[in-house]
C-alpha atoms as a PDB file:
ATOM      1  CA  MET A   1     111.028  99.580 123.821  1.00  0.00           C
ATOM      2  CA  ILE A   2     112.640  96.954 121.414  1.00  0.00           C
ATOM      3  CA  THR A   3     113.340  93.567 121.767  1.00  0.00           C
ATOM      4  CA  GLN A   4     114.592  90.570 119.556  1.00  0.00           C
ATOM      5  CA  GLY A   5     113.426  87.082 119.534  1.00  0.00           C
ATOM      6  CA  GLN A   6     111.113  84.622 121.620  1.00  0.00           C
ATOM      7  CA  ALA A   7     109.772  85.275 124.827  1.00  0.00           C
ATOM      8  CA  LYS A   8     110.077  82.999 128.334  1.00  0.00           C
ATOM      9  CA  VAL A   9     107.446  81.158 129.113  1.00  0.00           C
ATOM     10  CA  THR A  10     105.696  81.706 132.390  1.00  0.00           C
ATOM     11  CA  THR A  11     102.365  80.682 131.944  1.00  0.00           C
ATOM     12  CA  GLU A  12     101.293  77.801 129.864  1.00  0.00           C
ATOM     13  CA  ASN A  13      97.794  78.232 128.892  1.00  0.00           C
ATOM     14  CA  LEU A  14      95.690  80.599 130.598  1.00  0.00           C
ATOM     15  CA  TYR A  15      92.842  78.647 129.486  1.00  0.00           C
ATOM     16  CA  LYS A  16      91.900  74.739 129.078  1.00  0.00           C
ATOM     17  CA  CYS A  17      88.776  73.817 126.388  1.00  0.00           C
ATOM     18  CA  PRO A  18      86.710  70.874 128.534  1.00  0.00           C
ATOM     19  CA  VAL A  19      85.905  69.546 125.741  1.00  0.00           C
ATOM     20  CA  GLN A  20      87.817  68.120 122.719  1.00  0.00           C
ATOM     21  CA  VAL A  21      87.197  70.847 119.514  1.00  0.00           C
ATOM     22  CA  SER A  22      89.348  70.779 116.484  1.00  0.00           C
ATOM     23  CA  ASN A  23      91.209  74.135 117.296  1.00  0.00           C
ATOM     24  CA  HIS A  24      91.998  74.244 120.597  1.00  0.00           C
ATOM     25  CA  ARG A  25      95.175  76.676 120.928  1.00  0.00           C
ATOM     26  CA  ALA A  26      97.053  77.286 124.304  1.00  0.00           C
ATOM     27  CA  SER A  27      97.361  80.803 125.292  1.00  0.00           C
ATOM     28  CA  ALA A  28     100.692  81.026 127.101  1.00  0.00           C
ATOM     29  CA  VAL A  29     102.086  83.994 128.671  1.00  0.00           C
ATOM     30  CA  GLY A  30     105.401  84.893 129.377  1.00  0.00           C
ATOM     31  CA  THR A  31     108.073  87.808 130.012  1.00  0.00           C
ATOM     32  CA  ILE A  32     110.640  89.352 127.752  1.00  0.00           C
ATOM     33  CA  THR A  33     113.733  92.058 128.219  1.00  0.00           C
ATOM     34  CA  ALA A  34     113.825  95.011 125.830  1.00  0.00           C
ATOM     35  CA  THR A  35     117.203  96.475 124.700  1.00  0.00           C
ATOM     36  CA  ASP A  36     116.562  99.312 127.312  1.00  0.00           C
ATOM     37  CA  GLY A  37     116.105  96.945 130.294  1.00  0.00           C
ATOM     38  CA  THR A  38     112.167  97.033 130.666  1.00  0.00           C
ATOM     39  CA  VAL A  39     110.626  93.588 131.532  1.00  0.00           C
ATOM     40  CA  ILE A  40     107.687  93.127 129.142  1.00  0.00           C
ATOM     41  CA  THR A  41     104.901  90.615 129.432  1.00  0.00           C
ATOM     42  CA  MET A  42     104.053  88.920 125.902  1.00  0.00           C
ATOM     43  CA  PRO A  43     101.575  88.805 124.052  1.00  0.00           C
ATOM     44  CA  ALA A  44     100.323  91.605 127.077  1.00  0.00           C
ATOM     45  CA  GLN A  45      99.430  92.025 130.632  1.00  0.00           C
ATOM     46  CA  VAL A  46      96.249  91.030 130.715  1.00  0.00           C
ATOM     47  CA  GLN A  47      93.130  90.803 133.414  1.00  0.00           C
ATOM     48  CA  TYR A  48      92.403  87.544 132.863  1.00  0.00           C
ATOM     49  CA  GLY A  49      91.442  85.498 135.793  1.00  0.00           C
ATOM     50  CA  LYS A  50      90.656  89.149 137.596  1.00  0.00           C
ATOM     51  CA  GLY A  51      87.434  89.890 136.440  1.00  0.00           C
ATOM     52  CA  PRO A  52      84.052  89.481 134.861  1.00  0.00           C
ATOM     53  CA  ILE A  53      83.875  86.912 131.848  1.00  0.00           C
ATOM     54  CA  ALA A  54      81.705  88.173 128.788  1.00  0.00           C
ATOM     55  CA  ALA A  55      78.718  85.749 128.345  1.00  0.00           C
ATOM     56  CA  ASP A  56      79.162  83.411 125.450  1.00  0.00           C
ATOM     57  CA  LEU A  57      77.210  84.040 122.215  1.00  0.00           C
ATOM     58  CA  TYR A  58      78.726  81.070 120.747  1.00  0.00           C
ATOM     59  CA  ASN A  59      81.262  79.037 122.349  1.00  0.00           C
ATOM     60  CA  GLU A  60      82.535  75.363 121.644  1.00  0.00           C
ATOM     61  CA  CYS A  61      83.594  74.953 124.904  1.00  0.00           C
ATOM     62  CA  THR A  62      80.923  75.824 126.622  1.00  0.00           C
ATOM     63  CA  GLN A  63      78.481  74.043 123.682  1.00  0.00           C
ATOM     64  CA  VAL A  64      76.466  77.258 123.770  1.00  0.00           C
ATOM     65  CA  MET A  65      75.876  77.253 119.856  1.00  0.00           C
ATOM     66  CA  PRO A  66      72.165  78.476 118.900  1.00  0.00           C
ATOM     67  CA  ALA A  67      71.431  77.845 115.699  1.00  0.00           C
ATOM     68  CA  LYS A  68      70.620  81.755 114.381  1.00  0.00           C
ATOM     69  CA  SER A  69      69.677  84.856 116.261  1.00  0.00           C
ATOM     70  CA  ALA A  70      66.738  83.820 116.920  1.00  0.00           C
ATOM     71  CA  ASP A  71      67.689  81.722 118.976  1.00  0.00           C
ATOM     72  CA  VAL A  72      69.938  84.098 121.541  1.00  0.00           C
ATOM     73  CA  ASP A  73      68.627  84.876 124.827  1.00  0.00           C
ATOM     74  CA  ALA A  74      70.319  87.524 126.310  1.00  0.00           C
ATOM     75  CA  SER A  75      67.553  88.100 129.380  1.00  0.00           C
ATOM     76  CA  LYS A  76      69.967  86.191 131.415  1.00  0.00           C
ATOM     77  CA  VAL A  77      73.728  88.130 131.340  1.00  0.00           C
ATOM     78  CA  PRO A  78      74.079  90.559 134.103  1.00  0.00           C
ATOM     79  CA  VAL A  79      74.218  93.482 133.997  1.00  0.00           C
ATOM     80  CA  VAL A  80      77.456  95.844 134.825  1.00  0.00           C
ATOM     81  CA  GLU A  81      76.086  99.240 136.296  1.00  0.00           C
ATOM     82  CA  ILE A  82      78.165 102.348 135.034  1.00  0.00           C
ATOM     83  CA  ASP A  83      75.387 104.833 135.890  1.00  0.00           C
ATOM     84  CA  PRO A  84      72.316 104.152 138.206  1.00  0.00           C
ATOM     85  CA  ASP A  85      69.878 106.120 135.708  1.00  0.00           C
ATOM     86  CA  GLY A  86      71.427 104.644 132.895  1.00  0.00           C
ATOM     87  CA  GLU A  87      69.996 102.920 129.770  1.00  0.00           C
ATOM     88  CA  VAL A  88      70.843  98.827 129.724  1.00  0.00           C
ATOM     89  CA  ILE A  89      72.558  98.432 126.435  1.00  0.00           C
ATOM     90  CA  THR A  90      73.425  94.921 125.383  1.00  0.00           C
ATOM     91  CA  GLY A  91      76.577  94.362 123.190  1.00  0.00           C
ATOM     92  CA  TYR A  92      77.953  91.639 120.717  1.00  0.00           C
ATOM     93  CA  ILE A  93      81.313  91.388 120.303  1.00  0.00           C
ATOM     94  CA  VAL A  94      83.682  89.064 118.125  1.00  0.00           C
ATOM     95  CA  ALA A  95      87.263  89.492 118.598  1.00  0.00           C
ATOM     96  CA  ASP A  96      90.544  87.932 117.109  1.00  0.00           C
ATOM     97  CA  ASN A  97      92.109  86.879 119.353  1.00  0.00           C
ATOM     98  CA  TYR A  98      91.213  88.546 122.574  1.00  0.00           C
ATOM     99  CA  PHE A  99      89.224  91.626 124.095  1.00  0.00           C
ATOM    100  CA  GLU A 100      89.131  93.126 127.276  1.00  0.00           C
ATOM    101  CA  PHE A 101      85.746  95.736 127.481  1.00  0.00           C
ATOM    102  CA  TYR A 102      85.751  98.768 129.447  1.00  0.00           C
ATOM    103  CA  VAL A 103      82.371 101.516 130.002  1.00  0.00           C
ATOM    104  CA  ASN A 104      84.138 104.636 131.277  1.00  0.00           C
ATOM    105  CA  GLY A 105      86.914 103.081 132.868  1.00  0.00           C
ATOM    106  CA  LYS A 106      84.444 100.335 134.624  1.00  0.00           C
ATOM    107  CA  LEU A 107      85.709  96.740 133.655  1.00  0.00           C
ATOM    108  CA  VAL A 108      82.229  95.197 132.054  1.00  0.00           C
ATOM    109  CA  GLY A 109      83.694  91.761 130.522  1.00  0.00           C
ATOM    110  CA  LEU A 110      86.982  89.432 129.584  1.00  0.00           C
ATOM    111  CA  ASP A 111      86.821  87.486 126.473  1.00  0.00           C
ATOM    112  CA  HIS A 112      85.954  83.582 127.749  1.00  0.00           C
ATOM    113  CA  THR A 113      88.625  82.072 125.320  1.00  0.00           C
ATOM    114  CA  PRO A 114      91.692  83.905 124.762  1.00  0.00           C
ATOM    115  CA  TYR A 115      92.967  82.217 121.646  1.00  0.00           C
ATOM    116  CA  THR A 116      91.071  79.744 120.000  1.00  0.00           C
ATOM    117  CA  PRO A 117      88.445  77.934 119.583  1.00  0.00           C
ATOM    118  CA  PHE A 118      86.866  81.446 118.132  1.00  0.00           C
ATOM    119  CA  ASN A 119      84.036  82.500 119.866  1.00  0.00           C
ATOM    120  CA  SER A 120      81.354  85.445 120.564  1.00  0.00           C
ATOM    121  CA  SER A 121      80.243  87.174 123.655  1.00  0.00           C
ATOM    122  CA  ILE A 122      77.295  89.084 124.737  1.00  0.00           C
ATOM    123  CA  VAL A 123      77.929  92.549 127.362  1.00  0.00           C
ATOM    124  CA  LYS A 124      75.267  94.010 129.070  1.00  0.00           C
ATOM    125  CA  PHE A 125      76.043  97.593 130.681  1.00  0.00           C
ATOM    126  CA  LYS A 126      73.531 100.561 132.468  1.00  0.00           C
ATOM    127  CA  ALA A 127      74.863 103.864 131.119  1.00  0.00           C
ATOM    128  CA  LYS A 128      73.743 107.343 130.067  1.00  0.00           C
ATOM    129  CA  LYS A 129      75.142 109.450 127.286  1.00  0.00           C
ATOM    130  CA  PRO A 130      78.083 110.121 126.820  1.00  0.00           C
ATOM    131  CA  TYR A 131      79.368 106.999 127.976  1.00  0.00           C
ATOM    132  CA  THR A 132      82.948 106.072 126.422  1.00  0.00           C
ATOM    133  CA  MET A 133      83.887 102.219 125.445  1.00  0.00           C
ATOM    134  CA  ALA A 134      87.552 100.953 125.412  1.00  0.00           C
ATOM    135  CA  PHE A 135      89.046  97.808 124.277  1.00  0.00           C
ATOM    136  CA  LEU A 136      92.028  96.336 124.959  1.00  0.00           C
ATOM    137  CA  LEU A 137      92.824  93.967 121.955  1.00  0.00           C
ATOM    138  CA  VAL A 138      95.402  91.266 121.706  1.00  0.00           C
ATOM    139  CA  ASP A 139      95.933  89.213 118.444  1.00  0.00           C
ATOM    140  CA  TRP A 140      97.727  86.342 120.689  1.00  0.00           C
ATOM    141  CA  ASP A 141     100.954  84.785 119.628  1.00  0.00           C
ATOM    142  CA  GLU A 142     101.969  80.949 119.495  1.00  0.00           C
ATOM    143  CA  GLN A 143     105.312  82.092 119.247  1.00  0.00           C
ATOM    144  CA  LEU A 144     105.954  84.702 121.872  1.00  0.00           C
ATOM    145  CA  GLY A 145     107.595  87.613 121.327  1.00  0.00           C
ATOM    146  CA  ILE A 146     108.315  87.401 117.648  1.00  0.00           C
ATOM    147  CA  GLY A 147     104.197  87.914 116.429  1.00  0.00           C
ATOM    148  CA  MET A 148     104.095  84.399 114.559  1.00  0.00           C
ATOM    149  CA  GLU A 149     101.742  81.309 114.547  1.00  0.00           C
ATOM    150  CA  LEU A 150     101.268  78.302 112.939  1.00  0.00           C
ATOM    151  CA  PHE A 151      99.517  78.432 109.554  1.00  0.00           C
ATOM    152  CA  GLN A 152      99.498  75.963 106.721  1.00  0.00           C
ATOM    153  CA  GLY A 153     101.799  73.637 108.474  1.00  0.00           C
ATOM    154  CA  ASN A 154     104.379  77.138 108.927  1.00  0.00           C
ATOM    155  CA  PRO A 155     104.786  78.138 112.902  1.00  0.00           C
ATOM    156  CA  ARG A 156     106.702  80.972 111.815  1.00  0.00           C
ATOM    157  CA  HIS A 157     103.499  82.634 110.292  1.00  0.00           C
ATOM    158  CA  PRO A 158     102.429  86.421 111.048  1.00  0.00           C
ATOM    159  CA  GLY A 159      99.341  86.054 112.359  1.00  0.00           C
ATOM    160  CA  ASP A 160      96.443  89.009 112.003  1.00  0.00           C
ATOM    161  CA  GLY A 161      93.278  90.344 114.309  1.00  0.00           C
ATOM    162  CA  GLY A 162      90.380  92.016 114.434  1.00  0.00           C
ATOM    163  CA  VAL A 163      87.090  93.208 116.557  1.00  0.00           C
ATOM    164  CA  ILE A 164      84.017  94.017 115.434  1.00  0.00           C
ATOM    165  CA  ALA A 165      81.070  94.908 117.685  1.00  0.00           C
ATOM    166  CA  ARG A 166      77.421  96.421 117.599  1.00  0.00           C
ATOM    167  CA  PHE A 167      75.577  97.380 120.329  1.00  0.00           C
ATOM    168  CA  SER A 168      71.435  97.789 120.551  1.00  0.00           C
ATOM    169  CA  ASP A 169      71.510 101.508 121.272  1.00  0.00           C
ATOM    170  CA  GLY A 170      73.026 101.832 117.534  1.00  0.00           C
ATOM    171  CA  ALA A 171      76.383 102.065 118.483  1.00  0.00           C
ATOM    172  CA  VAL A 172      79.051  99.717 116.133  1.00  0.00           C
ATOM    173  CA  THR A 173      82.685  99.351 115.134  1.00  0.00           C
ATOM    174  CA  ASP A 174      83.757 101.349 112.729  1.00  0.00           C
ATOM    175  CA  SER A 175      86.205 104.037 111.564  1.00  0.00           C
ATOM    176  CA  SER A 176      85.077 106.386 113.733  1.00  0.00           C
ATOM    177  CA  TRP A 177      86.877 104.585 116.551  1.00  0.00           C
ATOM    178  CA  LYS A 178      90.154 105.737 117.291  1.00  0.00           C
ATOM    179  CA  ALA A 179      92.904 102.616 117.578  1.00  0.00           C
ATOM    180  CA  GLN A 180      96.545 102.552 118.895  1.00  0.00           C
ATOM    181  CA  THR A 181      98.968 100.016 119.051  1.00  0.00           C
ATOM    182  CA  TYR A 182     100.987  98.681 120.904  1.00  0.00           C
ATOM    183  CA  TYR A 183     103.100  95.623 120.071  1.00  0.00           C
ATOM    184  CA  ILE A 184     104.576  95.361 116.725  1.00  0.00           C
ATOM    185  CA  ALA A 185     106.036  92.171 115.090  1.00  0.00           C
ATOM    186  CA  PRO A 186     107.502  90.373 113.255  1.00  0.00           C
ATOM    187  CA  LEU A 187     110.055  92.694 112.041  1.00  0.00           C
ATOM    188  CA  ASN A 188     113.157  92.300 110.087  1.00  0.00           C
ATOM    189  CA  SER A 189     114.497  95.237 111.556  1.00  0.00           C
ATOM    190  CA  PRO A 190     112.797  97.999 114.340  1.00  0.00           C
ATOM    191  CA  ASP A 191     113.246 100.840 111.140  1.00  0.00           C
ATOM    192  CA  GLU A 192     110.465  99.029 110.071  1.00  0.00           C
ATOM    193  CA  VAL A 193     108.249 101.036 112.500  1.00  0.00           C
ATOM    194  CA  VAL A 194     107.898 104.658 111.019  1.00  0.00           C
ATOM    195  CA  GLU A 195     106.069 106.958 113.678  1.00  0.00           C
ATOM    196  CA  ILE A 196     105.049 109.755 111.939  1.00  0.00           C
ATOM    197  CA  GLY A 197     103.218 112.009 115.485  1.00  0.00           C
ATOM    198  CA  ASN A 198     101.319 109.408 117.241  1.00  0.00           C
ATOM    199  CA  VAL A 199     101.054 107.002 113.977  1.00  0.00           C
ATOM    200  CA  HIS A 200     103.306 103.877 114.347  1.00  0.00           C
ATOM    201  CA  ASP A 201     103.520 103.158 110.612  1.00  0.00           C
ATOM    202  CA  THR A 202     104.416  99.790 109.078  1.00  0.00           C
ATOM    203  CA  THR A 203     101.879  99.767 106.174  1.00  0.00           C
ATOM    204  CA  LYS A 204     104.644  99.410 104.150  1.00  0.00           C
ATOM    205  CA  LEU A 205     104.644  95.718 104.923  1.00  0.00           C
ATOM    206  CA  GLY A 206     101.396  95.317 103.600  1.00  0.00           C
ATOM    207  CA  ARG A 207      98.170  95.632 106.003  1.00  0.00           C
ATOM    208  CA  VAL A 208      96.654  92.066 105.356  1.00  0.00           C
ATOM    209  CA  HIS A 209      96.994  88.747 104.178  1.00  0.00           C
ATOM    210  CA  PRO A 210      98.145  87.574 101.709  1.00  0.00           C
ATOM    211  CA  VAL A 211     100.131  90.521 100.511  1.00  0.00           C
ATOM    212  CA  ALA A 212     101.697  91.389 103.925  1.00  0.00           C
ATOM    213  CA  LYS A 213     105.443  90.246 103.898  1.00  0.00           C
ATOM    214  CA  LYS A 214     106.793  87.036 105.484  1.00  0.00           C
ATOM    215  CA  PRO A 215     109.866  88.282 106.932  1.00  0.00           C
ATOM    216  CA  PRO A 216     112.718  85.876 106.777  1.00  0.00           C
ATOM    217  CA  CYS A 217     114.123  86.343 110.090  1.00  0.00           C
ATOM    218  CA  ALA A 218     112.625  83.660 112.298  1.00  0.00           C
ATOM    219  CA  ASP A 219     113.338  83.586 115.580  1.00  0.00           C
ATOM    220  CA  ALA A 220     115.608  86.353 115.014  1.00  0.00           C
ATOM    221  CA  CYS A 221     112.876  88.650 114.465  1.00  0.00           C
ATOM    222  CA  TYR A 222     112.416  92.058 116.339  1.00  0.00           C
ATOM    223  CA  ALA A 223     109.705  93.279 118.083  1.00  0.00           C
ATOM    224  CA  VAL A 224     108.541  97.212 118.651  1.00  0.00           C
ATOM    225  CA  HIS A 225     106.544  97.463 122.150  1.00  0.00           C
ATOM    226  CA  TYR A 226     105.130 101.065 123.644  1.00  0.00           C
ATOM    227  CA  LYS A 227     103.894 101.593 126.735  1.00  0.00           C
ATOM    228  CA  MET A 228     100.235 101.436 127.600  1.00  0.00           C
ATOM    229  CA  PRO A 229      99.519 105.544 129.185  1.00  0.00           C
ATOM    230  CA  ASP A 230      97.623 104.917 132.450  1.00  0.00           C
ATOM    231  CA  GLY A 231      93.997 105.509 132.729  1.00  0.00           C
ATOM    232  CA  TRP A 232      93.422 104.477 128.661  1.00  0.00           C
ATOM    233  CA  GLN A 233      90.341 102.929 129.921  1.00  0.00           C
ATOM    234  CA  ALA A 234      88.880 105.800 131.602  1.00  0.00           C
ATOM    235  CA  ALA A 235      86.329 108.570 129.746  1.00  0.00           C
ATOM    236  CA  ALA A 236      88.706 111.220 130.627  1.00  0.00           C
ATOM    237  CA  PHE A 237      91.958 110.230 128.246  1.00  0.00           C
ATOM    238  CA  ASP A 238      92.384 112.233 125.973  1.00  0.00           C
ATOM    239  CA  ASP A 239      92.653 110.068 122.718  1.00  0.00           C
ATOM    240  CA  ALA A 240      92.220 113.010 120.098  1.00  0.00           C
ATOM    241  CA  LYS A 241      95.995 112.842 118.555  1.00  0.00           C
ATOM    242  CA  TRP A 242      95.677 108.675 118.406  1.00  0.00           C
ATOM    243  CA  PRO A 243      94.897 107.772 114.967  1.00  0.00           C
ATOM    244  CA  ARG A 244      91.412 106.463 113.672  1.00  0.00           C
ATOM    245  CA  ALA A 245      90.784 102.874 113.311  1.00  0.00           C
ATOM    246  CA  TYR A 246      90.461 101.139 110.435  1.00  0.00           C
ATOM    247  CA  GLU A 247      88.056  99.051 108.511  1.00  0.00           C
ATOM    248  CA  TYR A 248      88.409  95.901 107.219  1.00  0.00           C
ATOM    249  CA  THR A 249      86.421  92.919 105.483  1.00  0.00           C
ATOM    250  CA  ASP A 250      85.356  89.937 106.318  1.00  0.00           C
ATOM    251  CA  THR A 251      87.720  88.079 103.626  1.00  0.00           C
ATOM    252  CA  ASP A 252      90.757  90.464 105.741  1.00  0.00           C
ATOM    253  CA  VAL A 253      90.067  89.090 108.762  1.00  0.00           C
ATOM    254  CA  GLY A 254      89.457  85.308 107.731  1.00  0.00           C
ATOM    255  CA  VAL A 255      86.371  85.081 108.820  1.00  0.00           C
ATOM    256  CA  THR A 256      83.767  84.245 106.012  1.00  0.00           C
ATOM    257  CA  ALA A 257      83.318  80.392 107.493  1.00  0.00           C
ATOM    258  CA  LEU A 258      83.537  80.903 111.390  1.00  0.00           C
ATOM    259  CA  PRO A 259      80.503  80.159 112.893  1.00  0.00           C
ATOM    260  CA  ALA A 260      80.395  82.647 116.016  1.00  0.00           C
ATOM    261  CA  TYR A 261      80.404  85.503 113.823  1.00  0.00           C
ATOM    262  CA  THR A 262      78.545  84.253 110.085  1.00  0.00           C
ATOM    263  CA  ARG A 263      75.390  82.335 112.493  1.00  0.00           C
ATOM    264  CA  TYR A 264      74.458  86.094 113.511  1.00  0.00           C
ATOM    265  CA  PRO A 265      74.380  88.585 111.165  1.00  0.00           C
ATOM    266  CA  GLU A 266      71.342  90.322 112.217  1.00  0.00           C
ATOM    267  CA  LEU A 267      73.024  90.714 115.406  1.00  0.00           C
ATOM    268  CA  PHE A 268      76.205  92.480 113.730  1.00  0.00           C
ATOM    269  CA  GLU A 269      74.353  94.545 110.916  1.00  0.00           C
ATOM    270  CA  GLY A 270      76.002  97.861 110.533  1.00  0.00           C
ATOM    271  CA  ALA A 271      79.088  97.009 112.085  1.00  0.00           C
ATOM    272  CA  ARG A 272      82.229  96.814 110.535  1.00  0.00           C
ATOM    273  CA  TRP A 273      85.582  95.039 111.722  1.00  0.00           C
ATOM    274  CA  ILE A 274      88.216  96.946 113.089  1.00  0.00           C
ATOM    275  CA  TRP A 275      92.094  97.190 114.166  1.00  0.00           C
ATOM    276  CA  SER A 276      94.652  99.796 113.734  1.00  0.00           C
ATOM    277  CA  SER A 277      96.538 100.794 110.206  1.00  0.00           C
ATOM    278  CA  ASN A 278      97.579  97.069 110.019  1.00  0.00           C
ATOM    279  CA  LEU A 279      95.838  93.838 110.605  1.00  0.00           C
ATOM    280  CA  VAL A 280      98.934  91.663 110.606  1.00  0.00           C
ATOM    281  CA  PHE A 281     101.983  93.199 112.416  1.00  0.00           C
ATOM    282  CA  ASP A 282      99.953  95.469 115.179  1.00  0.00           C
ATOM    283  CA  ASN A 283      99.289  92.452 117.441  1.00  0.00           C
ATOM    284  CA  VAL A 284      98.276  94.596 120.624  1.00  0.00           C
ATOM    285  CA  VAL A 285      95.713  97.797 119.979  1.00  0.00           C
ATOM    286  CA  ILE A 286      93.601  99.607 122.070  1.00  0.00           C
ATOM    287  CA  ALA A 287      90.536 101.113 120.686  1.00  0.00           C
ATOM    288  CA  ARG A 288      88.210 103.687 122.263  1.00  0.00           C
ATOM    289  CA  LYS A 289      84.728 105.367 121.092  1.00  0.00           C
ATOM    290  CA  THR A 290      82.510 107.949 123.021  1.00  0.00           C
ATOM    291  CA  VAL A 291      79.043 107.435 121.957  1.00  0.00           C
ATOM    292  CA  ARG A 292      77.273 111.232 122.436  1.00  0.00           C
END
């Protein structure tokens, strides 16, 4: 599905930070009509406000900001039961910008803050192996529909995404995950997306900042969208033909000075930032991994 230009805002902001912070951006939601008549929710159809919010690891808005890993107390984080006879697993998650986390199709937790300030989260679930984790990941737009945000004074700057997670049973985000993209922008032309089987390839545009091209199309930019398959959260869903996730560095994602992440190196040890093949132009991604 192809759209051009900005979406119509239907919700100005999903979450308002109750305290004054330096980098709070409104998480707007809107709709846009594709050339085939499909009405698409932008930046994604999310469950925010309809499910459990993940507990805070670090969150300026709630003033939960442990100084170091040793100060983090996960004992009171609620456990979501997947299997009654399973193991209790604790996970630590940072997403740029928003995540929804599912295990065997059950929603375990939603990101507290859809856009910014950047936060990090703790989840707990009780499951037995094999179990399947699935993330809906959204790089939120400020310019809904064209994948752009304010950066260094430029309101038409392509943003980037990323997620990192580590779990107490040893599971981590890395290139063994699968990652498929569903919203790609900003594009000078829809033809910039090259479909190679199940791969939605835009690597010729540049995969990371600052080498990624900044398109001159501004408000006339295009976006390419794909319909999300039914049941993508479930363990039985077949992701065998999906492309693998790509690993990125802290510098690639721009998190070298992000306290929600950098304060807790022990909690993310061994995990890698992942996304689809394009950190900049791929704005909505589903990532999946079966732990055996």
